[in-house]
Amino acid sequence: MEKFNIPSFDSLRFQDKPGPLSCSPHLTFSTNGFFNPPHVDSKDISEYAFVLFLPTYSATGKLAPPDSGYDVKGGPFVFPDHKLGINFDHHHGIVKMVWQAKKYKHCTLPYSSPSSTFTRLGMSLQINLSLANACKKEKQGNYSSPLHYFGDHFYYMFCCLGKGSLLAAIFFFHFLFI
């Protein structure tokens, strides 16, 4: 993260420097029957990937407790070359995992939920090459125009005010913090 000037997940501004306990700002989410073919995350620059699998309600996204009747079946996370994986059929809670995603081929297989009441949410923290390149370009000054601004906490806070107010806020924060 330091090499590419990537801010931590908890940074309020893009220009904040990462610290020794910084966490990747790049989150990916998969849900509602997501699956993918076997692959290696060759464009990741982080050595390890962290993933959470969570049982959730389809309608609200809220966490489904163990006594909810969670009925999602199948959809294991597998490492096909090693013939091993995580069978979620008996896990009705949060599953955490860390692995070398750019070293080991992995995939998520399809699952089903007979009632459609539940789904499984997958959430991973990884640093990919496109994020690193964007941060590198920002550090080099390639995004000097306020119209190139790609957002931080203040940006998303002002999104709710409307486009006219948003543009004014972008110019304000650009000149205030530079």
N, C-alpha and C. Protein backbone atom coordinates (compact mmCIF):
# COMPACT_ATOMS: atom_id res chain seq x y z
N MET A 1 0.83 -1.18 0.00
CA MET A 1 0.00 0.00 0.00
C MET A 1 0.88 1.25 0.00
N GLU A 2 1.96 1.22 0.75
CA GLU A 2 2.84 2.39 0.79
C GLU A 2 3.49 2.66 -0.56
N LYS A 3 3.92 1.59 -1.24
CA LYS A 3 4.59 1.73 -2.53
C LYS A 3 3.73 2.47 -3.54
N PHE A 4 2.42 2.23 -3.53
CA PHE A 4 1.51 2.83 -4.50
C PHE A 4 0.69 3.98 -3.91
N ASN A 5 0.98 4.37 -2.67
CA ASN A 5 0.27 5.47 -2.01
C ASN A 5 -1.23 5.18 -1.90
N ILE A 6 -1.56 3.93 -1.57
CA ILE A 6 -2.95 3.53 -1.44
C ILE A 6 -3.42 3.83 -0.02
N PRO A 7 -4.46 4.64 0.13
CA PRO A 7 -4.94 4.95 1.48
C PRO A 7 -5.60 3.74 2.14
N SER A 8 -5.63 3.77 3.44
CA SER A 8 -6.26 2.69 4.20
C SER A 8 -7.78 2.76 4.08
N PHE A 9 -8.42 1.65 4.37
CA PHE A 9 -9.88 1.57 4.34
C PHE A 9 -10.52 2.63 5.22
N ASP A 10 -9.89 2.96 6.34
CA ASP A 10 -10.48 3.91 7.28
C ASP A 10 -10.07 5.36 7.03
N SER A 11 -9.35 5.64 5.95
CA SER A 11 -8.92 7.02 5.65
C SER A 11 -10.11 7.86 5.22
N LEU A 12 -10.15 9.08 5.71
CA LEU A 12 -11.22 9.99 5.31
C LEU A 12 -10.90 10.74 4.03
N ARG A 13 -9.60 10.83 3.69
CA ARG A 13 -9.19 11.53 2.48
C ARG A 13 -8.23 10.66 1.70
N PHE A 14 -8.26 10.80 0.39
CA PHE A 14 -7.39 10.00 -0.46
C PHE A 14 -5.92 10.26 -0.16
N GLN A 15 -5.59 11.47 0.21
CA GLN A 15 -4.19 11.84 0.42
C GLN A 15 -3.61 11.30 1.73
N ASP A 16 -4.43 10.71 2.59
CA ASP A 16 -3.92 10.15 3.85
C ASP A 16 -2.94 9.02 3.55
N LYS A 17 -1.83 9.02 4.26
CA LYS A 17 -0.81 7.99 4.06
C LYS A 17 -1.15 6.75 4.87
N PRO A 18 -0.89 5.56 4.31
CA PRO A 18 -1.16 4.33 5.06
C PRO A 18 -0.20 4.17 6.22
N GLY A 19 -0.68 3.57 7.30
CA GLY A 19 0.14 3.31 8.47
C GLY A 19 0.51 1.84 8.55
N PRO A 20 1.20 1.44 9.63
CA PRO A 20 1.65 0.05 9.75
C PRO A 20 0.51 -0.95 9.92
N LEU A 21 -0.66 -0.51 10.35
CA LEU A 21 -1.79 -1.41 10.53
C LEU A 21 -2.90 -1.15 9.51
N SER A 22 -2.56 -0.52 8.40
CA SER A 22 -3.54 -0.17 7.39
C SER A 22 -4.16 -1.40 6.75
N CYS A 23 -5.40 -1.23 6.33
CA CYS A 23 -6.17 -2.31 5.71
C CYS A 23 -6.55 -1.88 4.30
N SER A 24 -6.56 -2.80 3.37
CA SER A 24 -6.88 -2.52 1.98
C SER A 24 -8.22 -1.78 1.84
N PRO A 25 -8.27 -0.76 0.97
CA PRO A 25 -9.54 -0.07 0.74
C PRO A 25 -10.37 -0.73 -0.36
N HIS A 26 -9.87 -1.78 -0.96
CA HIS A 26 -10.56 -2.40 -2.09
C HIS A 26 -11.40 -3.58 -1.62
N LEU A 27 -12.70 -3.38 -1.57
CA LEU A 27 -13.64 -4.43 -1.17
C LEU A 27 -14.38 -4.93 -2.39
N THR A 28 -14.54 -6.23 -2.47
CA THR A 28 -15.41 -6.80 -3.51
C THR A 28 -16.52 -7.56 -2.81
N PHE A 29 -17.70 -7.50 -3.39
CA PHE A 29 -18.86 -8.19 -2.83
C PHE A 29 -19.45 -9.11 -3.89
N SER A 30 -19.85 -10.29 -3.46
CA SER A 30 -20.59 -11.19 -4.34
C SER A 30 -21.76 -11.77 -3.56
N THR A 31 -22.90 -11.88 -4.22
CA THR A 31 -24.11 -12.37 -3.56
C THR A 31 -25.12 -12.82 -4.62
N ASN A 32 -26.27 -13.26 -4.18
CA ASN A 32 -27.38 -13.63 -5.07
C ASN A 32 -26.99 -14.65 -6.14
N GLY A 33 -26.40 -15.74 -5.70
CA GLY A 33 -26.09 -16.82 -6.62
C GLY A 33 -24.79 -16.66 -7.38
N PHE A 34 -23.95 -15.74 -6.95
CA PHE A 34 -22.67 -15.52 -7.63
C PHE A 34 -21.84 -16.80 -7.65
N PHE A 35 -21.23 -17.06 -8.80
CA PHE A 35 -20.22 -18.11 -8.92
C PHE A 35 -19.26 -17.71 -10.03
N ASN A 36 -18.09 -18.34 -10.06
CA ASN A 36 -17.11 -18.00 -11.08
C ASN A 36 -16.27 -19.22 -11.44
N PRO A 37 -15.65 -19.20 -12.60
CA PRO A 37 -14.81 -20.33 -13.01
C PRO A 37 -13.48 -20.31 -12.26
N PRO A 38 -12.78 -21.43 -12.25
CA PRO A 38 -11.47 -21.47 -11.60
C PRO A 38 -10.52 -20.43 -12.19
N HIS A 39 -9.83 -19.72 -11.33
CA HIS A 39 -8.92 -18.66 -11.78
C HIS A 39 -7.88 -18.38 -10.71
N VAL A 40 -6.84 -17.69 -11.11
CA VAL A 40 -5.82 -17.16 -10.21
C VAL A 40 -5.92 -15.65 -10.32
N ASP A 41 -5.88 -14.94 -9.22
CA ASP A 41 -5.98 -13.48 -9.24
C ASP A 41 -4.62 -12.89 -9.61
N SER A 42 -4.22 -13.08 -10.85
CA SER A 42 -2.88 -12.72 -11.29
C SER A 42 -2.63 -11.21 -11.29
N LYS A 43 -3.70 -10.42 -11.32
CA LYS A 43 -3.51 -8.96 -11.33
C LYS A 43 -3.60 -8.34 -9.95
N ASP A 44 -3.62 -9.16 -8.91
CA ASP A 44 -3.57 -8.62 -7.55
C ASP A 44 -2.12 -8.30 -7.22
N ILE A 45 -1.92 -7.26 -6.43
CA ILE A 45 -0.56 -6.96 -5.97
C ILE A 45 -0.38 -7.34 -4.51
N SER A 46 -1.48 -7.61 -3.82
CA SER A 46 -1.36 -8.05 -2.42
C SER A 46 -0.96 -9.52 -2.40
N GLU A 47 -0.15 -9.88 -1.42
CA GLU A 47 0.30 -11.27 -1.29
C GLU A 47 -0.84 -12.20 -0.87
N TYR A 48 -1.75 -11.68 -0.07
CA TYR A 48 -2.84 -12.50 0.46
C TYR A 48 -4.18 -11.83 0.21
N ALA A 49 -5.21 -12.64 0.13
CA ALA A 49 -6.59 -12.15 0.05
C ALA A 49 -7.30 -12.60 1.32
N PHE A 50 -8.17 -11.76 1.81
CA PHE A 50 -8.99 -12.08 2.97
C PHE A 50 -10.43 -12.10 2.50
N VAL A 51 -11.18 -13.13 2.89
CA VAL A 51 -12.58 -13.21 2.47
C VAL A 51 -13.45 -13.60 3.65
N LEU A 52 -14.66 -13.06 3.67
CA LEU A 52 -15.69 -13.43 4.63
C LEU A 52 -16.87 -13.96 3.83
N PHE A 53 -17.45 -15.03 4.31
CA PHE A 53 -18.70 -15.55 3.76
C PHE A 53 -19.75 -15.41 4.86
N LEU A 54 -20.87 -14.76 4.54
CA LEU A 54 -21.87 -14.47 5.55
C LEU A 54 -23.25 -14.94 5.10
N PRO A 55 -24.00 -15.60 5.99
CA PRO A 55 -25.39 -15.95 5.66
C PRO A 55 -26.27 -14.72 5.84
N THR A 56 -27.00 -14.36 4.80
CA THR A 56 -27.81 -13.14 4.88
C THR A 56 -29.22 -13.38 4.35
N TYR A 57 -30.11 -12.45 4.72
CA TYR A 57 -31.46 -12.44 4.17
C TYR A 57 -31.42 -11.78 2.80
N SER A 58 -32.05 -12.38 1.81
CA SER A 58 -32.05 -11.85 0.44
C SER A 58 -32.68 -10.46 0.35
N ALA A 59 -33.77 -10.24 1.04
CA ALA A 59 -34.52 -8.99 0.91
C ALA A 59 -33.82 -7.80 1.56
N THR A 60 -33.14 -8.03 2.68
CA THR A 60 -32.58 -6.91 3.44
C THR A 60 -31.06 -6.87 3.48
N GLY A 61 -30.41 -8.01 3.24
CA GLY A 61 -28.96 -8.08 3.37
C GLY A 61 -28.49 -8.23 4.80
N LYS A 62 -29.44 -8.29 5.74
CA LYS A 62 -29.06 -8.44 7.15
C LYS A 62 -28.52 -9.84 7.40
N LEU A 63 -27.65 -9.94 8.38
CA LEU A 63 -27.06 -11.21 8.77
C LEU A 63 -28.14 -12.15 9.29
N ALA A 64 -28.15 -13.39 8.79
CA ALA A 64 -29.12 -14.40 9.23
C ALA A 64 -28.52 -15.17 10.42
N PRO A 65 -29.16 -15.13 11.57
CA PRO A 65 -28.62 -15.84 12.74
C PRO A 65 -28.73 -17.36 12.58
N PRO A 66 -27.97 -18.12 13.37
CA PRO A 66 -27.97 -19.58 13.25
C PRO A 66 -29.35 -20.23 13.36
N ASP A 67 -30.27 -19.63 14.10
CA ASP A 67 -31.60 -20.23 14.28
C ASP A 67 -32.63 -19.70 13.27
N SER A 68 -32.19 -19.09 12.17
CA SER A 68 -33.09 -18.45 11.20
C SER A 68 -33.71 -19.42 10.20
N GLY A 69 -33.20 -20.64 10.12
CA GLY A 69 -33.66 -21.56 9.10
C GLY A 69 -32.92 -21.39 7.79
N TYR A 70 -31.75 -20.79 7.86
CA TYR A 70 -30.91 -20.56 6.68
C TYR A 70 -30.83 -21.84 5.85
N ASP A 71 -31.22 -21.74 4.56
CA ASP A 71 -31.36 -22.94 3.74
C ASP A 71 -30.53 -22.95 2.46
N VAL A 72 -29.49 -22.13 2.39
CA VAL A 72 -28.64 -22.13 1.20
C VAL A 72 -27.82 -23.42 1.18
N LYS A 73 -27.86 -24.11 0.05
CA LYS A 73 -27.14 -25.38 -0.10
C LYS A 73 -26.18 -25.29 -1.27
N GLY A 74 -25.05 -25.95 -1.14
CA GLY A 74 -24.06 -25.99 -2.20
C GLY A 74 -23.24 -24.72 -2.25
N GLY A 75 -22.63 -24.48 -3.38
CA GLY A 75 -21.82 -23.28 -3.57
C GLY A 75 -20.52 -23.29 -2.82
N PRO A 76 -19.81 -24.41 -2.80
CA PRO A 76 -18.55 -24.42 -2.06
C PRO A 76 -17.50 -23.50 -2.70
N PHE A 77 -16.58 -23.06 -1.88
CA PHE A 77 -15.40 -22.33 -2.36
C PHE A 77 -14.31 -23.37 -2.47
N VAL A 78 -13.77 -23.56 -3.68
CA VAL A 78 -12.84 -24.68 -3.88
C VAL A 78 -11.50 -24.25 -4.50
N PHE A 79 -10.51 -25.07 -4.21
CA PHE A 79 -9.20 -25.00 -4.83
C PHE A 79 -9.08 -26.26 -5.69
N PRO A 80 -9.48 -26.18 -6.97
CA PRO A 80 -9.61 -27.39 -7.79
C PRO A 80 -8.31 -28.18 -7.98
N ASP A 81 -7.18 -27.52 -8.08
CA ASP A 81 -5.92 -28.23 -8.28
C ASP A 81 -5.53 -29.06 -7.06
N HIS A 82 -6.05 -28.69 -5.92
CA HIS A 82 -5.72 -29.39 -4.67
C HIS A 82 -6.85 -30.28 -4.18
N LYS A 83 -7.97 -30.24 -4.91
CA LYS A 83 -9.14 -31.06 -4.58
C LYS A 83 -9.59 -30.86 -3.13
N LEU A 84 -9.66 -29.58 -2.74
CA LEU A 84 -10.18 -29.26 -1.42
C LEU A 84 -10.93 -27.94 -1.49
N GLY A 85 -11.77 -27.72 -0.49
CA GLY A 85 -12.55 -26.49 -0.46
C GLY A 85 -13.36 -26.40 0.81
N ILE A 86 -14.22 -25.41 0.85
CA ILE A 86 -15.10 -25.20 2.01
C ILE A 86 -16.52 -25.54 1.59
N ASN A 87 -17.09 -26.55 2.23
CA ASN A 87 -18.48 -26.92 2.02
C ASN A 87 -19.30 -26.14 3.06
N PHE A 88 -20.11 -25.20 2.60
CA PHE A 88 -20.86 -24.33 3.50
C PHE A 88 -22.15 -24.95 4.03
N ASP A 89 -22.49 -26.16 3.60
CA ASP A 89 -23.77 -26.76 3.98
C ASP A 89 -23.95 -26.89 5.49
N HIS A 90 -22.89 -26.99 6.23
CA HIS A 90 -23.00 -27.15 7.68
C HIS A 90 -22.48 -25.92 8.44
N HIS A 91 -22.21 -24.85 7.70
CA HIS A 91 -21.76 -23.60 8.32
C HIS A 91 -22.91 -22.61 8.23
N HIS A 92 -23.49 -22.27 9.34
CA HIS A 92 -24.60 -21.31 9.35
C HIS A 92 -24.19 -20.06 10.11
N GLY A 93 -22.93 -19.72 9.95
CA GLY A 93 -22.38 -18.52 10.58
C GLY A 93 -21.38 -17.89 9.63
N ILE A 94 -20.52 -17.08 10.17
CA ILE A 94 -19.52 -16.37 9.37
C ILE A 94 -18.30 -17.27 9.18
N VAL A 95 -17.83 -17.36 7.95
CA VAL A 95 -16.63 -18.12 7.63
C VAL A 95 -15.58 -17.13 7.15
N LYS A 96 -14.39 -17.16 7.76
CA LYS A 96 -13.28 -16.28 7.39
C LYS A 96 -12.16 -17.11 6.79
N MET A 97 -11.47 -16.54 5.81
CA MET A 97 -10.37 -17.26 5.19
C MET A 97 -9.33 -16.29 4.64
N VAL A 98 -8.07 -16.69 4.71
CA VAL A 98 -6.97 -15.95 4.11
C VAL A 98 -6.20 -16.94 3.25
N TRP A 99 -5.86 -16.55 2.03
CA TRP A 99 -5.08 -17.42 1.15
C TRP A 99 -4.33 -16.57 0.14
N GLN A 100 -3.40 -17.19 -0.55
CA GLN A 100 -2.61 -16.52 -1.59
C GLN A 100 -3.37 -16.63 -2.91
N ALA A 101 -4.20 -15.63 -3.17
CA ALA A 101 -5.12 -15.67 -4.31
C ALA A 101 -4.40 -15.58 -5.66
N LYS A 102 -3.22 -14.99 -5.68
CA LYS A 102 -2.52 -14.91 -6.96
C LYS A 102 -1.61 -16.12 -7.18
N LYS A 103 -1.60 -17.04 -6.23
CA LYS A 103 -0.78 -18.24 -6.34
C LYS A 103 -1.61 -19.50 -6.56
N TYR A 104 -2.81 -19.56 -5.95
CA TYR A 104 -3.62 -20.78 -6.00
C TYR A 104 -4.91 -20.56 -6.79
N LYS A 105 -5.18 -21.44 -7.73
CA LYS A 105 -6.42 -21.39 -8.50
C LYS A 105 -7.59 -21.67 -7.56
N HIS A 106 -8.65 -20.88 -7.69
CA HIS A 106 -9.81 -20.99 -6.81
C HIS A 106 -11.07 -20.61 -7.56
N CYS A 107 -12.22 -20.98 -7.00
CA CYS A 107 -13.51 -20.60 -7.60
C CYS A 107 -14.63 -20.81 -6.60
N THR A 108 -15.76 -20.23 -6.92
CA THR A 108 -16.98 -20.42 -6.16
C THR A 108 -17.97 -21.14 -7.07
N LEU A 109 -18.53 -22.23 -6.60
CA LEU A 109 -19.49 -23.00 -7.39
C LEU A 109 -20.91 -22.52 -7.11
N PRO A 110 -21.86 -22.78 -8.01
CA PRO A 110 -23.25 -22.32 -7.81
C PRO A 110 -23.90 -22.93 -6.57
N TYR A 111 -24.85 -22.21 -6.01
CA TYR A 111 -25.62 -22.71 -4.87
C TYR A 111 -27.10 -22.49 -5.10
N SER A 112 -27.91 -23.03 -4.22
CA SER A 112 -29.35 -22.83 -4.32
C SER A 112 -29.93 -22.51 -2.95
N SER A 113 -31.04 -21.81 -2.96
CA SER A 113 -31.80 -21.50 -1.74
C SER A 113 -33.25 -21.82 -2.06
N PRO A 114 -33.73 -22.98 -1.59
CA PRO A 114 -35.11 -23.40 -1.92
C PRO A 114 -36.17 -22.35 -1.61
N SER A 115 -36.00 -21.60 -0.54
CA SER A 115 -37.02 -20.63 -0.15
C SER A 115 -36.81 -19.26 -0.78
N SER A 116 -35.63 -18.98 -1.35
CA SER A 116 -35.24 -17.65 -1.85
C SER A 116 -35.22 -16.60 -0.75
N THR A 117 -35.36 -17.02 0.49
CA THR A 117 -35.32 -16.09 1.62
C THR A 117 -33.90 -15.68 1.95
N PHE A 118 -32.95 -16.56 1.63
CA PHE A 118 -31.57 -16.35 2.05
C PHE A 118 -30.62 -16.33 0.86
N THR A 119 -29.47 -15.74 1.09
CA THR A 119 -28.37 -15.77 0.13
C THR A 119 -27.07 -15.79 0.92
N ARG A 120 -25.98 -15.99 0.23
CA ARG A 120 -24.66 -15.95 0.87
C ARG A 120 -23.92 -14.75 0.32
N LEU A 121 -23.41 -13.94 1.21
CA LEU A 121 -22.62 -12.78 0.82
C LEU A 121 -21.15 -13.13 0.97
N GLY A 122 -20.39 -12.92 -0.08
CA GLY A 122 -18.94 -13.05 -0.02
C GLY A 122 -18.34 -11.67 -0.10
N MET A 123 -17.36 -11.40 0.74
CA MET A 123 -16.72 -10.08 0.77
C MET A 123 -15.22 -10.29 0.89
N SER A 124 -14.46 -9.75 -0.05
CA SER A 124 -13.01 -9.93 0.02
C SER A 124 -12.28 -8.60 0.05
N LEU A 125 -11.12 -8.63 0.67
CA LEU A 125 -10.20 -7.50 0.72
C LEU A 125 -8.95 -7.90 -0.03
N GLN A 126 -8.69 -7.21 -1.12
CA GLN A 126 -7.51 -7.48 -1.94
C GLN A 126 -7.07 -6.16 -2.55
N ILE A 127 -5.84 -6.08 -2.96
CA ILE A 127 -5.37 -4.90 -3.68
C ILE A 127 -5.05 -5.36 -5.09
N ASN A 128 -5.82 -4.84 -6.06
CA ASN A 128 -5.59 -5.25 -7.44
C ASN A 128 -4.78 -4.19 -8.20
N LEU A 129 -4.32 -4.58 -9.37
CA LEU A 129 -3.44 -3.73 -10.17
C LEU A 129 -4.12 -2.44 -10.61
N SER A 130 -5.42 -2.48 -10.95
CA SER A 130 -6.09 -1.26 -11.40
C SER A 130 -6.16 -0.22 -10.29
N LEU A 131 -6.38 -0.65 -9.04
CA LEU A 131 -6.37 0.29 -7.92
C LEU A 131 -4.98 0.87 -7.74
N ALA A 132 -3.97 0.02 -7.79
CA ALA A 132 -2.59 0.49 -7.63
C ALA A 132 -2.22 1.49 -8.72
N ASN A 133 -2.61 1.20 -9.96
CA ASN A 133 -2.31 2.12 -11.07
C ASN A 133 -3.02 3.46 -10.90
N ALA A 134 -4.28 3.44 -10.46
CA ALA A 134 -5.01 4.69 -10.24
C ALA A 134 -4.34 5.52 -9.15
N CYS A 135 -3.91 4.89 -8.08
CA CYS A 135 -3.24 5.61 -6.99
C CYS A 135 -1.89 6.15 -7.44
N LYS A 136 -1.19 5.38 -8.24
CA LYS A 136 0.11 5.82 -8.77
C LYS A 136 -0.08 7.06 -9.65
N LYS A 137 -1.11 7.02 -10.53
CA LYS A 137 -1.38 8.16 -11.41
C LYS A 137 -1.78 9.40 -10.60
N GLU A 138 -2.55 9.20 -9.54
CA GLU A 138 -2.96 10.32 -8.70
C GLU A 138 -1.73 10.94 -8.05
N LYS A 139 -0.83 10.12 -7.57
CA LYS A 139 0.40 10.61 -6.92
C LYS A 139 1.26 11.38 -7.91
N GLN A 140 1.26 10.97 -9.19
CA GLN A 140 2.03 11.64 -10.23
C GLN A 140 1.38 12.93 -10.71
N GLY A 141 0.15 13.21 -10.23
CA GLY A 141 -0.54 14.44 -10.61
C GLY A 141 -1.40 14.32 -11.85
N ASN A 142 -1.67 13.13 -12.32
CA ASN A 142 -2.50 12.95 -13.52
C ASN A 142 -3.95 13.33 -13.31
N TYR A 143 -4.39 13.41 -12.08
CA TYR A 143 -5.78 13.75 -11.78
C TYR A 143 -5.85 15.11 -11.10
N SER A 144 -5.30 16.14 -11.75
CA SER A 144 -5.22 17.46 -11.12
C SER A 144 -6.51 18.26 -11.27
N SER A 145 -7.33 17.95 -12.24
CA SER A 145 -8.58 18.67 -12.44
C SER A 145 -9.63 18.18 -11.44
N PRO A 146 -10.42 19.09 -10.88
CA PRO A 146 -11.50 18.66 -9.98
C PRO A 146 -12.49 17.71 -10.65
N LEU A 147 -12.58 17.76 -11.97
CA LEU A 147 -13.48 16.86 -12.68
C LEU A 147 -12.97 15.42 -12.71
N HIS A 148 -11.70 15.23 -12.37
CA HIS A 148 -11.12 13.89 -12.29
C HIS A 148 -11.30 13.27 -10.91
N TYR A 149 -11.89 14.00 -10.02
CA TYR A 149 -12.02 13.56 -8.64
C TYR A 149 -12.84 12.28 -8.56
N PHE A 150 -12.29 11.23 -7.90
CA PHE A 150 -13.01 9.96 -7.87
C PHE A 150 -13.53 9.57 -6.50
N GLY A 151 -13.51 10.46 -5.57
CA GLY A 151 -14.30 10.26 -4.37
C GLY A 151 -13.59 9.83 -3.11
N ASP A 152 -14.03 10.40 -2.02
CA ASP A 152 -13.67 9.98 -0.67
C ASP A 152 -14.92 10.17 0.18
N HIS A 153 -14.78 10.14 1.48
CA HIS A 153 -15.95 10.26 2.35
C HIS A 153 -16.74 11.55 2.09
N PHE A 154 -16.01 12.67 1.89
CA PHE A 154 -16.70 13.93 1.65
C PHE A 154 -17.48 13.89 0.34
N TYR A 155 -16.90 13.30 -0.69
CA TYR A 155 -17.55 13.19 -1.99
C TYR A 155 -18.88 12.44 -1.85
N TYR A 156 -18.84 11.29 -1.21
CA TYR A 156 -20.06 10.50 -1.09
C TYR A 156 -21.08 11.16 -0.16
N MET A 157 -20.62 11.92 0.81
CA MET A 157 -21.54 12.65 1.67
C MET A 157 -22.32 13.69 0.87
N PHE A 158 -21.63 14.36 -0.05
CA PHE A 158 -22.28 15.40 -0.83
C PHE A 158 -23.07 14.85 -2.02
N CYS A 159 -22.89 13.57 -2.35
CA CYS A 159 -23.67 12.98 -3.44
C CYS A 159 -25.17 13.09 -3.16
N CYS A 160 -25.53 13.03 -1.90
CA CYS A 160 -26.95 13.08 -1.56
C CYS A 160 -27.53 14.49 -1.71
N LEU A 161 -26.71 15.50 -1.92
CA LEU A 161 -27.20 16.87 -2.05
C LEU A 161 -27.65 17.21 -3.47
N GLY A 162 -27.28 16.42 -4.43
CA GLY A 162 -27.63 16.69 -5.81
C GLY A 162 -26.42 17.10 -6.61
N LYS A 163 -26.54 17.03 -7.92
CA LYS A 163 -25.38 17.25 -8.79
C LYS A 163 -24.85 18.68 -8.73
N GLY A 164 -25.72 19.69 -8.66
CA GLY A 164 -25.24 21.07 -8.60
C GLY A 164 -24.45 21.33 -7.34
N SER A 165 -24.96 20.88 -6.23
CA SER A 165 -24.25 21.04 -4.96
C SER A 165 -22.99 20.20 -4.94
N LEU A 166 -23.04 19.05 -5.57
CA LEU A 166 -21.89 18.15 -5.61
C LEU A 166 -20.73 18.80 -6.35
N LEU A 167 -20.99 19.39 -7.51
CA LEU A 167 -19.94 20.02 -8.27
C LEU A 167 -19.32 21.17 -7.47
N ALA A 168 -20.14 21.97 -6.81
CA ALA A 168 -19.64 23.05 -5.98
C ALA A 168 -18.78 22.50 -4.83
N ALA A 169 -19.23 21.42 -4.23
CA ALA A 169 -18.47 20.81 -3.13
C ALA A 169 -17.13 20.27 -3.60
N ILE A 170 -17.09 19.67 -4.80
CA ILE A 170 -15.83 19.15 -5.33
C ILE A 170 -14.82 20.28 -5.51
N PHE A 171 -15.25 21.39 -6.11
CA PHE A 171 -14.35 22.53 -6.28
C PHE A 171 -13.91 23.07 -4.92
N PHE A 172 -14.83 23.17 -3.98
CA PHE A 172 -14.51 23.67 -2.65
C PHE A 172 -13.45 22.81 -1.99
N PHE A 173 -13.66 21.50 -1.95
CA PHE A 173 -12.71 20.61 -1.27
C PHE A 173 -11.40 20.49 -2.03
N HIS A 174 -11.45 20.62 -3.35
CA HIS A 174 -10.22 20.55 -4.13
C HIS A 174 -9.30 21.71 -3.73
N PHE A 175 -9.84 22.92 -3.65
CA PHE A 175 -9.01 24.08 -3.35
C PHE A 175 -8.73 24.20 -1.86
N LEU A 176 -9.58 23.65 -1.02
CA LEU A 176 -9.37 23.71 0.43
C LEU A 176 -8.23 22.81 0.86
N PHE A 177 -8.12 21.62 0.28
CA PHE A 177 -7.15 20.63 0.76
C PHE A 177 -5.88 20.54 -0.09
N ILE A 178 -5.76 21.34 -1.11
CA ILE A 178 -4.56 21.28 -1.96
C ILE A 178 -3.58 22.35 -1.55
